[in-house]
């Protein structure tokens, strides 16, 4: 489990805290909100420094609070990576590295006040200092983070490269492109999926958190409404559909309810969209899960579809961001 510390829970610190997966362990240090101290974050692999750097009376950037934090971390010989999110002027990181024996990376924030959380989760670009070849490593990491299944990525930059100066060509810039070509569904398999839906008399959709991660909640509801396909949800996706929606068919799994499980077991086609379907969803007697239904699973991770507890009949390995618009288009053209 990723453990990270956040020093400063203001505008930027709150966005960082909300942006990372809730499964990671977070320790926030801010005297206004918590009783935690610097000592409490020393075991964290990453520490985000999000303290204020106000404009001084002479117009300069006041980094005194940031310096105090770095001094304390240096005094305690912190061995993890310090990510500076606080606003600092050029060359300050270079000066910090001459003063403090810390692994530091500067990752400036680009957040709007109205959409800070969303801006942190879905940035148009990310900026890091360093040589161009090293920036390519950062680019690959961010592509991994924002493509397919989102997640945080930590890069430890060697001490001799941190804060180094480099000249970039005019066309060279770190621009993170959300390139997901490898996760596009095969047209032939999409066609087969549609044919299976057309032949089914009692289809049902099991919608997981992958729907939310791919931003396809609205397309899912529109598709299900058009095709009159009931939807059940798993433990971390119950808020994808309201209880009074015409397609709502209950919650499935051991932590679900009778209605949802009854509907799944009586279907002839189970369409699993972005749900891992762990043992709590299929039950310990997993061979009886959907025993009278053909099971289709759509997931970006092929390994998830091959778990021995699932017995999937038809797999579609792709990003729902590409599949759902195709299904919605089909539903609109269908009679």
C-alpha atoms as a PDB file:
ATOM      1  CA  UNK A   1       0.000   0.000   0.000  1.00  0.00           C
ATOM      2  CA  UNK A   2       1.271   3.451  -0.917  1.00  0.00           C
ATOM      3  CA  UNK A   3       1.800   5.636   2.111  1.00  0.00           C
ATOM      4  CA  UNK A   4       2.228   9.348   1.656  1.00  0.00           C
ATOM      5  CA  UNK A   5       2.522  12.397   3.812  1.00  0.00           C
ATOM      6  CA  UNK A   6       0.963  15.755   3.038  1.00  0.00           C
ATOM      7  CA  UNK A   7       2.337  18.818   4.788  1.00  0.00           C
ATOM      8  CA  UNK A   8      -0.157  21.652   4.528  1.00  0.00           C
ATOM      9  CA  UNK A   9      -3.884  21.067   4.036  1.00  0.00           C
ATOM     10  CA  UNK A  10      -4.766  24.272   2.274  1.00  0.00           C
ATOM     11  CA  UNK A  11      -5.999  24.644  -1.286  1.00  0.00           C
ATOM     12  CA  UNK A  12      -3.231  22.525  -2.860  1.00  0.00           C
ATOM     13  CA  UNK A  13      -2.873  20.038  -0.020  1.00  0.00           C
ATOM     14  CA  UNK A  14      -6.589  19.250  -0.044  1.00  0.00           C
ATOM     15  CA  UNK A  15      -6.489  18.590  -3.801  1.00  0.00           C
ATOM     16  CA  UNK A  16      -3.553  16.204  -3.334  1.00  0.00           C
ATOM     17  CA  UNK A  17      -5.346  14.386  -0.493  1.00  0.00           C
ATOM     18  CA  UNK A  18      -8.545  14.022  -2.528  1.00  0.00           C
ATOM     19  CA  UNK A  19      -6.719  13.094  -5.715  1.00  0.00           C
ATOM     20  CA  UNK A  20      -4.999   9.945  -4.540  1.00  0.00           C
ATOM     21  CA  UNK A  21      -6.748   6.632  -4.207  1.00  0.00           C
ATOM     22  CA  UNK A  22      -8.495   6.340  -0.867  1.00  0.00           C
ATOM     23  CA  UNK A  23      -6.893   2.919  -0.354  1.00  0.00           C
ATOM     24  CA  UNK A  24      -3.515   4.569   0.161  1.00  0.00           C
ATOM     25  CA  UNK A  25      -2.496   5.636   3.639  1.00  0.00           C
ATOM     26  CA  UNK A  26      -2.377   9.400   4.071  1.00  0.00           C
ATOM     27  CA  UNK A  27      -0.887  11.314   6.982  1.00  0.00           C
ATOM     28  CA  UNK A  28      -1.651  15.037   6.940  1.00  0.00           C
ATOM     29  CA  UNK A  29       0.430  17.530   8.910  1.00  0.00           C
ATOM     30  CA  UNK A  30      -1.259  20.859   9.495  1.00  0.00           C
ATOM     31  CA  UNK A  31      -1.701  22.392  12.948  1.00  0.00           C
ATOM     32  CA  UNK A  32      -5.048  23.880  11.897  1.00  0.00           C
ATOM     33  CA  UNK A  33      -6.590  20.481  11.151  1.00  0.00           C
ATOM     34  CA  UNK A  34      -4.562  17.671  12.755  1.00  0.00           C
ATOM     35  CA  UNK A  35      -2.302  16.904  15.703  1.00  0.00           C
ATOM     36  CA  UNK A  36       0.252  15.145  13.480  1.00  0.00           C
ATOM     37  CA  UNK A  37       3.860  16.346  13.398  1.00  0.00           C
ATOM     38  CA  UNK A  38       6.820  15.945  11.052  1.00  0.00           C
ATOM     39  CA  UNK A  39       7.849  12.816  12.967  1.00  0.00           C
ATOM     40  CA  UNK A  40       4.585  11.140  11.944  1.00  0.00           C
ATOM     41  CA  UNK A  41       5.396  11.271   8.213  1.00  0.00           C
ATOM     42  CA  UNK A  42       9.013  10.123   8.304  1.00  0.00           C
ATOM     43  CA  UNK A  43       8.060   6.548   7.359  1.00  0.00           C
ATOM     44  CA  UNK A  44       6.135   7.681   4.274  1.00  0.00           C
ATOM     45  CA  UNK A  45       7.628   6.943   0.870  1.00  0.00           C
ATOM     46  CA  UNK A  46       6.433  10.296  -0.472  1.00  0.00           C
ATOM     47  CA  UNK A  47       5.890  13.618   1.233  1.00  0.00           C
ATOM     48  CA  UNK A  48       4.032  16.407  -0.564  1.00  0.00           C
ATOM     49  CA  UNK A  49       5.004  19.859   0.649  1.00  0.00           C
ATOM     50  CA  UNK A  50       1.986  22.094   0.080  1.00  0.00           C
ATOM     51  CA  UNK A  51       2.678  24.992   2.427  1.00  0.00           C
ATOM     52  CA  UNK A  52       2.007  28.674   1.587  1.00  0.00           C
ATOM     53  CA  UNK A  53       4.655  30.752  -0.193  1.00  0.00           C
ATOM     54  CA  UNK A  54       3.107  34.226  -0.060  1.00  0.00           C
ATOM     55  CA  UNK A  55       4.418  37.331  -1.769  1.00  0.00           C
ATOM     56  CA  UNK A  56       6.615  39.365   0.572  1.00  0.00           C
ATOM     57  CA  UNK A  57       6.412  43.141   0.926  1.00  0.00           C
ATOM     58  CA  UNK A  58       9.290  43.590  -1.518  1.00  0.00           C
ATOM     59  CA  UNK A  59       7.501  41.450  -4.108  1.00  0.00           C
ATOM     60  CA  UNK A  60       9.688  38.390  -3.624  1.00  0.00           C
ATOM     61  CA  UNK A  61       8.461  34.862  -2.961  1.00  0.00           C
ATOM     62  CA  UNK A  62       8.462  34.134   0.778  1.00  0.00           C
ATOM     63  CA  UNK A  63       9.635  30.528   1.090  1.00  0.00           C
ATOM     64  CA  UNK A  64      10.345  30.686   4.812  1.00  0.00           C
ATOM     65  CA  UNK A  65       7.643  28.144   5.704  1.00  0.00           C
ATOM     66  CA  UNK A  66       8.872  25.748   3.018  1.00  0.00           C
ATOM     67  CA  UNK A  67      12.419  26.139   4.297  1.00  0.00           C
ATOM     68  CA  UNK A  68      11.278  25.355   7.832  1.00  0.00           C
ATOM     69  CA  UNK A  69       9.653  22.140   6.606  1.00  0.00           C
ATOM     70  CA  UNK A  70      12.712  21.082   4.593  1.00  0.00           C
ATOM     71  CA  UNK A  71      14.981  21.896   7.532  1.00  0.00           C
ATOM     72  CA  UNK A  72      12.963  19.619   9.795  1.00  0.00           C
ATOM     73  CA  UNK A  73      12.929  16.796   7.238  1.00  0.00           C
ATOM     74  CA  UNK A  74      16.667  17.173   6.733  1.00  0.00           C
ATOM     75  CA  UNK A  75      17.262  17.211  10.473  1.00  0.00           C
ATOM     76  CA  UNK A  76      15.382  13.931  10.808  1.00  0.00           C
ATOM     77  CA  UNK A  77      17.336  12.504   7.839  1.00  0.00           C
ATOM     78  CA  UNK A  78      14.227  11.704   5.823  1.00  0.00           C
ATOM     79  CA  UNK A  79      15.054   9.101   3.145  1.00  0.00           C
ATOM     80  CA  UNK A  80      11.950   9.228   0.958  1.00  0.00           C
ATOM     81  CA  UNK A  81      11.069  11.593  -1.885  1.00  0.00           C
ATOM     82  CA  UNK A  82       9.953  15.140  -1.153  1.00  0.00           C
ATOM     83  CA  UNK A  83       7.559  16.470  -3.788  1.00  0.00           C
ATOM     84  CA  UNK A  84       7.366  20.250  -3.615  1.00  0.00           C
ATOM     85  CA  UNK A  85       3.950  21.477  -4.735  1.00  0.00           C
ATOM     86  CA  UNK A  86       4.299  24.904  -3.140  1.00  0.00           C
ATOM     87  CA  UNK A  87       4.881  27.755  -5.564  1.00  0.00           C
ATOM     88  CA  UNK A  88       8.569  28.697  -5.827  1.00  0.00           C
ATOM     89  CA  UNK A  89      10.446  30.804  -8.358  1.00  0.00           C
ATOM     90  CA  UNK A  90      12.969  29.318 -10.823  1.00  0.00           C
ATOM     91  CA  UNK A  91      16.295  28.129  -9.390  1.00  0.00           C
ATOM     92  CA  UNK A  92      14.929  27.768  -5.863  1.00  0.00           C
ATOM     93  CA  UNK A  93      14.937  23.977  -6.085  1.00  0.00           C
ATOM     94  CA  UNK A  94      18.585  24.103  -7.182  1.00  0.00           C
ATOM     95  CA  UNK A  95      19.376  26.175  -4.099  1.00  0.00           C
ATOM     96  CA  UNK A  96      17.370  23.837  -1.860  1.00  0.00           C
ATOM     97  CA  UNK A  97      19.377  20.849  -3.050  1.00  0.00           C
ATOM     98  CA  UNK A  98      22.630  22.591  -2.162  1.00  0.00           C
ATOM     99  CA  UNK A  99      21.300  23.234   1.336  1.00  0.00           C
ATOM    100  CA  UNK A 100      19.374  20.086   2.217  1.00  0.00           C
ATOM    101  CA  UNK A 101      20.392  16.452   1.849  1.00  0.00           C
ATOM    102  CA  UNK A 102      16.976  15.406   0.562  1.00  0.00           C
ATOM    103  CA  UNK A 103      15.596  13.770  -2.567  1.00  0.00           C
ATOM    104  CA  UNK A 104      13.457  16.556  -3.986  1.00  0.00           C
ATOM    105  CA  UNK A 105      11.257  16.819  -7.058  1.00  0.00           C
ATOM    106  CA  UNK A 106       9.445  19.995  -8.046  1.00  0.00           C
ATOM    107  CA  UNK A 107       5.965  19.396  -9.429  1.00  0.00           C
ATOM    108  CA  UNK A 108       4.179  22.764  -9.651  1.00  0.00           C
ATOM    109  CA  UNK A 109       0.419  22.842  -9.322  1.00  0.00           C
ATOM    110  CA  UNK A 110      -1.952  24.042 -12.021  1.00  0.00           C
ATOM    111  CA  UNK A 111      -5.283  24.143 -10.232  1.00  0.00           C
ATOM    112  CA  UNK A 112      -8.335  26.333 -10.705  1.00  0.00           C
ATOM    113  CA  UNK A 113     -10.220  27.290  -7.560  1.00  0.00           C
ATOM    114  CA  UNK A 114     -13.551  25.960  -8.790  1.00  0.00           C
ATOM    115  CA  UNK A 115     -12.224  22.572  -9.968  1.00  0.00           C
ATOM    116  CA  UNK A 116      -9.105  21.869  -7.918  1.00  0.00           C
ATOM    117  CA  UNK A 117      -9.843  18.188  -7.274  1.00  0.00           C
ATOM    118  CA  UNK A 118     -10.722  17.464 -10.899  1.00  0.00           C
ATOM    119  CA  UNK A 119      -7.711  19.408 -12.168  1.00  0.00           C
ATOM    120  CA  UNK A 120      -5.399  17.350  -9.983  1.00  0.00           C
ATOM    121  CA  UNK A 121      -6.893  14.039 -11.156  1.00  0.00           C
ATOM    122  CA  UNK A 122      -7.074  14.968 -14.843  1.00  0.00           C
ATOM    123  CA  UNK A 123      -4.316  17.492 -15.606  1.00  0.00           C
ATOM    124  CA  UNK A 124      -3.823  18.666 -19.206  1.00  0.00           C
ATOM    125  CA  UNK A 125      -0.069  18.349 -18.662  1.00  0.00           C
ATOM    126  CA  UNK A 126       2.572  17.835 -15.992  1.00  0.00           C
ATOM    127  CA  UNK A 127       5.830  19.736 -15.564  1.00  0.00           C
ATOM    128  CA  UNK A 128       9.071  18.326 -14.144  1.00  0.00           C
ATOM    129  CA  UNK A 129      12.614  19.635 -14.357  1.00  0.00           C
ATOM    130  CA  UNK A 130      15.517  17.561 -15.671  1.00  0.00           C
ATOM    131  CA  UNK A 131      17.210  16.311 -18.806  1.00  0.00           C
ATOM    132  CA  UNK A 132      15.016  15.447 -21.748  1.00  0.00           C
ATOM    133  CA  UNK A 133      15.811  11.721 -21.618  1.00  0.00           C
ATOM    134  CA  UNK A 134      14.804  11.714 -17.979  1.00  0.00           C
ATOM    135  CA  UNK A 135      11.616  13.594 -18.822  1.00  0.00           C
ATOM    136  CA  UNK A 136      10.683  10.707 -21.112  1.00  0.00           C
ATOM    137  CA  UNK A 137      10.676   8.443 -18.053  1.00  0.00           C
ATOM    138  CA  UNK A 138       8.283  10.840 -16.354  1.00  0.00           C
ATOM    139  CA  UNK A 139       6.106  10.914 -19.467  1.00  0.00           C
ATOM    140  CA  UNK A 140       5.828   7.126 -19.534  1.00  0.00           C
ATOM    141  CA  UNK A 141       4.942   7.095 -15.850  1.00  0.00           C
ATOM    142  CA  UNK A 142       2.175   9.651 -16.287  1.00  0.00           C
ATOM    143  CA  UNK A 143       0.838   7.818 -19.318  1.00  0.00           C
ATOM    144  CA  UNK A 144       0.639   4.747 -17.113  1.00  0.00           C
ATOM    145  CA  UNK A 145      -1.135   6.771 -14.446  1.00  0.00           C
ATOM    146  CA  UNK A 146      -3.775   8.372 -16.678  1.00  0.00           C
ATOM    147  CA  UNK A 147      -4.285   5.604 -19.241  1.00  0.00           C
ATOM    148  CA  UNK A 148      -6.573   2.708 -18.598  1.00  0.00           C
ATOM    149  CA  UNK A 149      -6.721   2.083 -14.903  1.00  0.00           C
ATOM    150  CA  UNK A 150      -5.605   5.336 -13.217  1.00  0.00           C
ATOM    151  CA  UNK A 151      -3.224   5.224 -10.318  1.00  0.00           C
ATOM    152  CA  UNK A 152      -0.366   7.127  -8.692  1.00  0.00           C
ATOM    153  CA  UNK A 153       3.173   6.647  -9.997  1.00  0.00           C
ATOM    154  CA  UNK A 154       6.303   7.406  -7.969  1.00  0.00           C
ATOM    155  CA  UNK A 155       9.639   8.123  -9.635  1.00  0.00           C
ATOM    156  CA  UNK A 156      12.869   8.389  -7.701  1.00  0.00           C
ATOM    157  CA  UNK A 157      15.236  10.665  -9.633  1.00  0.00           C
ATOM    158  CA  UNK A 158      18.978  10.055  -9.052  1.00  0.00           C
ATOM    159  CA  UNK A 159      20.584  12.714  -6.895  1.00  0.00           C
ATOM    160  CA  UNK A 160      23.046  13.762  -9.610  1.00  0.00           C
ATOM    161  CA  UNK A 161      20.171  14.535 -11.995  1.00  0.00           C
ATOM    162  CA  UNK A 162      17.916  16.379  -9.621  1.00  0.00           C
ATOM    163  CA  UNK A 163      17.779  20.075 -10.359  1.00  0.00           C
ATOM    164  CA  UNK A 164      20.255  19.784 -13.233  1.00  0.00           C
ATOM    165  CA  UNK A 165      20.094  22.388 -15.986  1.00  0.00           C
ATOM    166  CA  UNK A 166      19.374  21.455 -19.576  1.00  0.00           C
ATOM    167  CA  UNK A 167      18.563  23.114 -22.869  1.00  0.00           C
ATOM    168  CA  UNK A 168      15.497  21.800 -24.631  1.00  0.00           C
ATOM    169  CA  UNK A 169      14.860  22.051 -28.323  1.00  0.00           C
ATOM    170  CA  UNK A 170      11.937  24.355 -29.230  1.00  0.00           C
ATOM    171  CA  UNK A 171       9.766  21.371 -30.127  1.00  0.00           C
ATOM    172  CA  UNK A 172      10.757  19.365 -27.053  1.00  0.00           C
ATOM    173  CA  UNK A 173       8.331  19.677 -24.197  1.00  0.00           C
ATOM    174  CA  UNK A 174       6.828  17.328 -21.690  1.00  0.00           C
ATOM    175  CA  UNK A 175       3.276  17.009 -22.894  1.00  0.00           C
ATOM    176  CA  UNK A 176       1.309  14.125 -21.495  1.00  0.00           C
ATOM    177  CA  UNK A 177      -0.947  12.629 -24.134  1.00  0.00           C
ATOM    178  CA  UNK A 178      -3.712  10.282 -23.119  1.00  0.00           C
ATOM    179  CA  UNK A 179      -2.795   7.693 -25.765  1.00  0.00           C
ATOM    180  CA  UNK A 180      -4.818   4.536 -25.265  1.00  0.00           C
ATOM    181  CA  UNK A 181      -4.605   2.890 -28.712  1.00  0.00           C
ATOM    182  CA  UNK A 182      -3.628  -0.461 -27.241  1.00  0.00           C
ATOM    183  CA  UNK A 183      -6.860  -0.534 -25.246  1.00  0.00           C
ATOM    184  CA  UNK A 184      -9.270  -0.022 -28.142  1.00  0.00           C
ATOM    185  CA  UNK A 185     -11.690  -2.940 -28.617  1.00  0.00           C
ATOM    186  CA  UNK A 186     -11.513  -5.160 -31.667  1.00  0.00           C
ATOM    187  CA  UNK A 187     -14.386  -4.351 -34.010  1.00  0.00           C
ATOM    188  CA  UNK A 188     -15.102  -8.025 -34.570  1.00  0.00           C
ATOM    189  CA  UNK A 189     -15.484  -8.621 -30.844  1.00  0.00           C
ATOM    190  CA  UNK A 190     -17.723  -5.582 -30.418  1.00  0.00           C
ATOM    191  CA  UNK A 191     -19.917  -6.983 -33.169  1.00  0.00           C
ATOM    192  CA  UNK A 192     -20.069 -10.357 -31.391  1.00  0.00           C
ATOM    193  CA  UNK A 193     -20.994  -8.624 -28.137  1.00  0.00           C
ATOM    194  CA  UNK A 194     -23.840  -6.789 -29.828  1.00  0.00           C
ATOM    195  CA  UNK A 195     -25.075 -10.018 -31.413  1.00  0.00           C
ATOM    196  CA  UNK A 196     -25.117 -11.738 -28.023  1.00  0.00           C
ATOM    197  CA  UNK A 197     -27.126  -8.862 -26.541  1.00  0.00           C
ATOM    198  CA  UNK A 198     -29.620  -9.053 -29.413  1.00  0.00           C
ATOM    199  CA  UNK A 199     -30.159 -12.800 -28.887  1.00  0.00           C
ATOM    200  CA  UNK A 200     -30.568 -12.524 -25.133  1.00  0.00           C
ATOM    201  CA  UNK A 201     -34.000 -12.416 -23.515  1.00  0.00           C
ATOM    202  CA  UNK A 202     -32.894 -11.740 -19.927  1.00  0.00           C
ATOM    203  CA  UNK A 203     -29.604  -9.789 -20.064  1.00  0.00           C
ATOM    204  CA  UNK A 204     -28.234  -7.959 -17.060  1.00  0.00           C
ATOM    205  CA  UNK A 205     -25.299  -5.580 -16.553  1.00  0.00           C
ATOM    206  CA  UNK A 206     -22.977  -5.751 -13.563  1.00  0.00           C
ATOM    207  CA  UNK A 207     -21.380  -2.297 -13.426  1.00  0.00           C
ATOM    208  CA  UNK A 208     -18.145  -1.753 -11.517  1.00  0.00           C
ATOM    209  CA  UNK A 209     -15.891   1.145 -10.656  1.00  0.00           C
ATOM    210  CA  UNK A 210     -14.260   0.904 -14.099  1.00  0.00           C
ATOM    211  CA  UNK A 211     -17.327   2.705 -15.440  1.00  0.00           C
ATOM    212  CA  UNK A 212     -16.541   5.678 -13.240  1.00  0.00           C
ATOM    213  CA  UNK A 213     -12.788   5.623 -13.907  1.00  0.00           C
ATOM    214  CA  UNK A 214     -13.415   5.732 -17.650  1.00  0.00           C
ATOM    215  CA  UNK A 215     -15.988   8.519 -17.323  1.00  0.00           C
ATOM    216  CA  UNK A 216     -18.786   6.438 -18.852  1.00  0.00           C
ATOM    217  CA  UNK A 217     -21.536   6.693 -16.248  1.00  0.00           C
ATOM    218  CA  UNK A 218     -23.867   8.730 -18.454  1.00  0.00           C
ATOM    219  CA  UNK A 219     -23.261   6.527 -21.503  1.00  0.00           C
ATOM    220  CA  UNK A 220     -23.959   3.414 -19.435  1.00  0.00           C
ATOM    221  CA  UNK A 221     -27.292   4.743 -18.206  1.00  0.00           C
ATOM    222  CA  UNK A 222     -28.263   5.954 -21.670  1.00  0.00           C
ATOM    223  CA  UNK A 223     -27.384   2.592 -23.250  1.00  0.00           C
ATOM    224  CA  UNK A 224     -29.204   0.551 -20.607  1.00  0.00           C
ATOM    225  CA  UNK A 225     -32.268   2.798 -20.800  1.00  0.00           C
ATOM    226  CA  UNK A 226     -32.450   2.540 -24.576  1.00  0.00           C
ATOM    227  CA  UNK A 227     -32.005  -1.244 -24.582  1.00  0.00           C
ATOM    228  CA  UNK A 228     -34.053  -1.845 -21.396  1.00  0.00           C
ATOM    229  CA  UNK A 229     -31.229  -3.787 -19.764  1.00  0.00           C
ATOM    230  CA  UNK A 230     -31.285  -3.909 -15.949  1.00  0.00           C
ATOM    231  CA  UNK A 231     -28.166  -2.815 -14.040  1.00  0.00           C
ATOM    232  CA  UNK A 232     -26.763  -4.179 -10.803  1.00  0.00           C
ATOM    233  CA  UNK A 233     -23.793  -2.679  -9.006  1.00  0.00           C
ATOM    234  CA  UNK A 234     -20.914  -3.963  -6.889  1.00  0.00           C
ATOM    235  CA  UNK A 235     -19.713  -2.715  -3.524  1.00  0.00           C
ATOM    236  CA  UNK A 236     -17.702   0.301  -4.786  1.00  0.00           C
ATOM    237  CA  UNK A 237     -20.067   1.414  -7.552  1.00  0.00           C
ATOM    238  CA  UNK A 238     -23.496   1.645  -5.919  1.00  0.00           C
ATOM    239  CA  UNK A 239     -23.717   5.357  -6.689  1.00  0.00           C
ATOM    240  CA  UNK A 240     -23.506   4.798 -10.464  1.00  0.00           C
ATOM    241  CA  UNK A 241     -27.282   4.471 -10.647  1.00  0.00           C
ATOM    242  CA  UNK A 242     -30.037   5.749  -8.378  1.00  0.00           C
ATOM    243  CA  UNK A 243     -32.442   3.352  -6.703  1.00  0.00           C
ATOM    244  CA  UNK A 244     -35.399   4.920  -8.505  1.00  0.00           C
ATOM    245  CA  UNK A 245     -33.889   4.554 -11.997  1.00  0.00           C
ATOM    246  CA  UNK A 246     -35.955   2.347 -14.268  1.00  0.00           C
ATOM    247  CA  UNK A 247     -32.937   0.113 -14.962  1.00  0.00           C
ATOM    248  CA  UNK A 248     -31.915  -0.339 -11.341  1.00  0.00           C
ATOM    249  CA  UNK A 249     -31.964  -4.043 -10.471  1.00  0.00           C
ATOM    250  CA  UNK A 250     -30.376  -4.140  -7.038  1.00  0.00           C
ATOM    251  CA  UNK A 251     -26.922  -4.776  -5.648  1.00  0.00           C
ATOM    252  CA  UNK A 252     -25.085  -8.018  -6.137  1.00  0.00           C
ATOM    253  CA  UNK A 253     -22.543  -9.972  -4.112  1.00  0.00           C
ATOM    254  CA  UNK A 254     -22.171 -11.024  -0.480  1.00  0.00           C
ATOM    255  CA  UNK A 255     -22.554  -7.393   0.592  1.00  0.00           C
ATOM    256  CA  UNK A 256     -25.464  -6.858  -1.788  1.00  0.00           C
ATOM    257  CA  UNK A 257     -29.114  -7.793  -1.421  1.00  0.00           C
ATOM    258  CA  UNK A 258     -31.528 -10.530  -2.369  1.00  0.00           C
ATOM    259  CA  UNK A 259     -33.029  -8.671  -5.321  1.00  0.00           C
ATOM    260  CA  UNK A 260     -29.713  -8.006  -7.040  1.00  0.00           C
ATOM    261  CA  UNK A 261     -28.417 -11.538  -6.594  1.00  0.00           C
ATOM    262  CA  UNK A 262     -31.759 -13.048  -7.612  1.00  0.00           C
ATOM    263  CA  UNK A 263     -31.785 -11.013 -10.823  1.00  0.00           C
ATOM    264  CA  UNK A 264     -28.222 -12.059 -11.702  1.00  0.00           C
ATOM    265  CA  UNK A 265     -28.885 -15.736 -11.093  1.00  0.00           C
ATOM    266  CA  UNK A 266     -32.008 -15.679 -13.271  1.00  0.00           C
ATOM    267  CA  UNK A 267     -30.451 -13.930 -16.266  1.00  0.00           C
ATOM    268  CA  UNK A 268     -29.338 -15.639 -19.461  1.00  0.00           C
ATOM    269  CA  UNK A 269     -26.574 -13.129 -20.261  1.00  0.00           C
ATOM    270  CA  UNK A 270     -24.370 -11.426 -17.653  1.00  0.00           C
ATOM    271  CA  UNK A 271     -22.421  -8.429 -18.973  1.00  0.00           C
ATOM    272  CA  UNK A 272     -19.683  -7.423 -16.533  1.00  0.00           C
ATOM    273  CA  UNK A 273     -18.412  -3.906 -17.199  1.00  0.00           C
ATOM    274  CA  UNK A 274     -15.358  -2.709 -15.278  1.00  0.00           C
ATOM    275  CA  UNK A 275     -15.879  -4.893 -12.199  1.00  0.00           C
ATOM    276  CA  UNK A 276     -13.129  -7.124 -10.745  1.00  0.00           C
ATOM    277  CA  UNK A 277     -15.665  -9.689  -9.503  1.00  0.00           C
ATOM    278  CA  UNK A 278     -13.642 -10.841  -6.513  1.00  0.00           C
ATOM    279  CA  UNK A 279     -14.814 -13.683  -4.310  1.00  0.00           C
ATOM    280  CA  UNK A 280     -17.260 -11.496  -2.360  1.00  0.00           C
ATOM    281  CA  UNK A 281     -19.101 -10.794  -5.607  1.00  0.00           C
ATOM    282  CA  UNK A 282     -19.389 -14.365  -6.904  1.00  0.00           C
ATOM    283  CA  UNK A 283     -19.498 -16.195  -3.563  1.00  0.00           C
ATOM    284  CA  UNK A 284     -17.327 -19.008  -2.266  1.00  0.00           C
ATOM    285  CA  UNK A 285     -19.429 -21.481  -4.215  1.00  0.00           C
ATOM    286  CA  UNK A 286     -18.358 -19.601  -7.330  1.00  0.00           C
ATOM    287  CA  UNK A 287     -19.183 -22.441  -9.739  1.00  0.00           C
ATOM    288  CA  UNK A 288     -22.867 -21.677  -9.194  1.00  0.00           C
ATOM    289  CA  UNK A 289     -22.495 -17.973 -10.027  1.00  0.00           C
ATOM    290  CA  UNK A 290     -24.669 -17.228 -13.060  1.00  0.00           C
ATOM    291  CA  UNK A 291     -24.969 -20.957 -13.669  1.00  0.00           C
ATOM    292  CA  UNK A 292     -27.621 -20.586 -16.378  1.00  0.00           C
ATOM    293  CA  UNK A 293     -26.115 -17.530 -18.074  1.00  0.00           C
ATOM    294  CA  UNK A 294     -23.431 -16.801 -20.601  1.00  0.00           C
ATOM    295  CA  UNK A 295     -20.898 -14.559 -18.905  1.00  0.00           C
ATOM    296  CA  UNK A 296     -19.241 -11.663 -20.731  1.00  0.00           C
ATOM    297  CA  UNK A 297     -16.527  -9.628 -19.074  1.00  0.00           C
ATOM    298  CA  UNK A 298     -15.157  -6.311 -20.309  1.00  0.00           C
ATOM    299  CA  UNK A 299     -12.019  -5.178 -18.532  1.00  0.00           C
ATOM    300  CA  UNK A 300      -8.820  -3.338 -19.325  1.00  0.00           C
ATOM    301  CA  UNK A 301      -6.794  -5.974 -17.470  1.00  0.00           C
ATOM    302  CA  UNK A 302      -6.836  -9.374 -19.189  1.00  0.00           C
ATOM    303  CA  UNK A 303      -5.635 -11.133 -16.031  1.00  0.00           C
ATOM    304  CA  UNK A 304      -8.807 -10.077 -14.220  1.00  0.00           C
ATOM    305  CA  UNK A 305     -10.909 -11.950 -16.781  1.00  0.00           C
ATOM    306  CA  UNK A 306      -8.969 -15.195 -16.360  1.00  0.00           C
ATOM    307  CA  UNK A 307      -9.435 -15.722 -12.653  1.00  0.00           C
ATOM    308  CA  UNK A 308     -10.433 -19.360 -11.984  1.00  0.00           C
ATOM    309  CA  UNK A 309     -13.361 -18.222  -9.857  1.00  0.00           C
ATOM    310  CA  UNK A 310     -15.148 -16.579 -12.793  1.00  0.00           C
ATOM    311  CA  UNK A 311     -15.381 -19.013 -15.730  1.00  0.00           C
ATOM    312  CA  UNK A 312     -15.924 -16.228 -18.290  1.00  0.00           C
ATOM    313  CA  UNK A 313     -17.354 -17.313 -21.668  1.00  0.00           C
ATOM    314  CA  UNK A 314     -16.492 -14.192 -23.684  1.00  0.00           C
ATOM    315  CA  UNK A 315     -13.736 -11.679 -22.923  1.00  0.00           C
ATOM    316  CA  UNK A 316     -13.333  -8.193 -24.319  1.00  0.00           C
ATOM    317  CA  UNK A 317     -10.069  -6.543 -23.272  1.00  0.00           C
ATOM    318  CA  UNK A 318     -10.429  -2.817 -23.817  1.00  0.00           C
ATOM    319  CA  UNK A 319     -10.995   0.583 -22.243  1.00  0.00           C
ATOM    320  CA  UNK A 320     -14.660   1.281 -21.579  1.00  0.00           C
ATOM    321  CA  UNK A 321     -13.944   4.817 -22.723  1.00  0.00           C
ATOM    322  CA  UNK A 322     -13.944   3.403 -26.263  1.00  0.00           C
ATOM    323  CA  UNK A 323     -16.517   0.641 -25.939  1.00  0.00           C
ATOM    324  CA  UNK A 324     -19.443   2.461 -24.346  1.00  0.00           C
ATOM    325  CA  UNK A 325     -19.801   5.096 -27.110  1.00  0.00           C
ATOM    326  CA  UNK A 326     -19.952   2.241 -29.645  1.00  0.00           C
ATOM    327  CA  UNK A 327     -22.657   0.453 -27.663  1.00  0.00           C
ATOM    328  CA  UNK A 328     -24.614   3.665 -27.219  1.00  0.00           C
ATOM    329  CA  UNK A 329     -24.410   4.332 -30.950  1.00  0.00           C
ATOM    330  CA  UNK A 330     -25.733   0.854 -31.635  1.00  0.00           C
ATOM    331  CA  UNK A 331     -28.631   1.323 -29.205  1.00  0.00           C
ATOM    332  CA  UNK A 332     -29.663   4.554 -30.905  1.00  0.00           C
ATOM    333  CA  UNK A 333     -29.662   2.839 -34.300  1.00  0.00           C
ATOM    334  CA  UNK A 334     -31.466  -0.220 -33.006  1.00  0.00           C
ATOM    335  CA  UNK A 335     -35.178  -0.800 -33.435  1.00  0.00           C
END
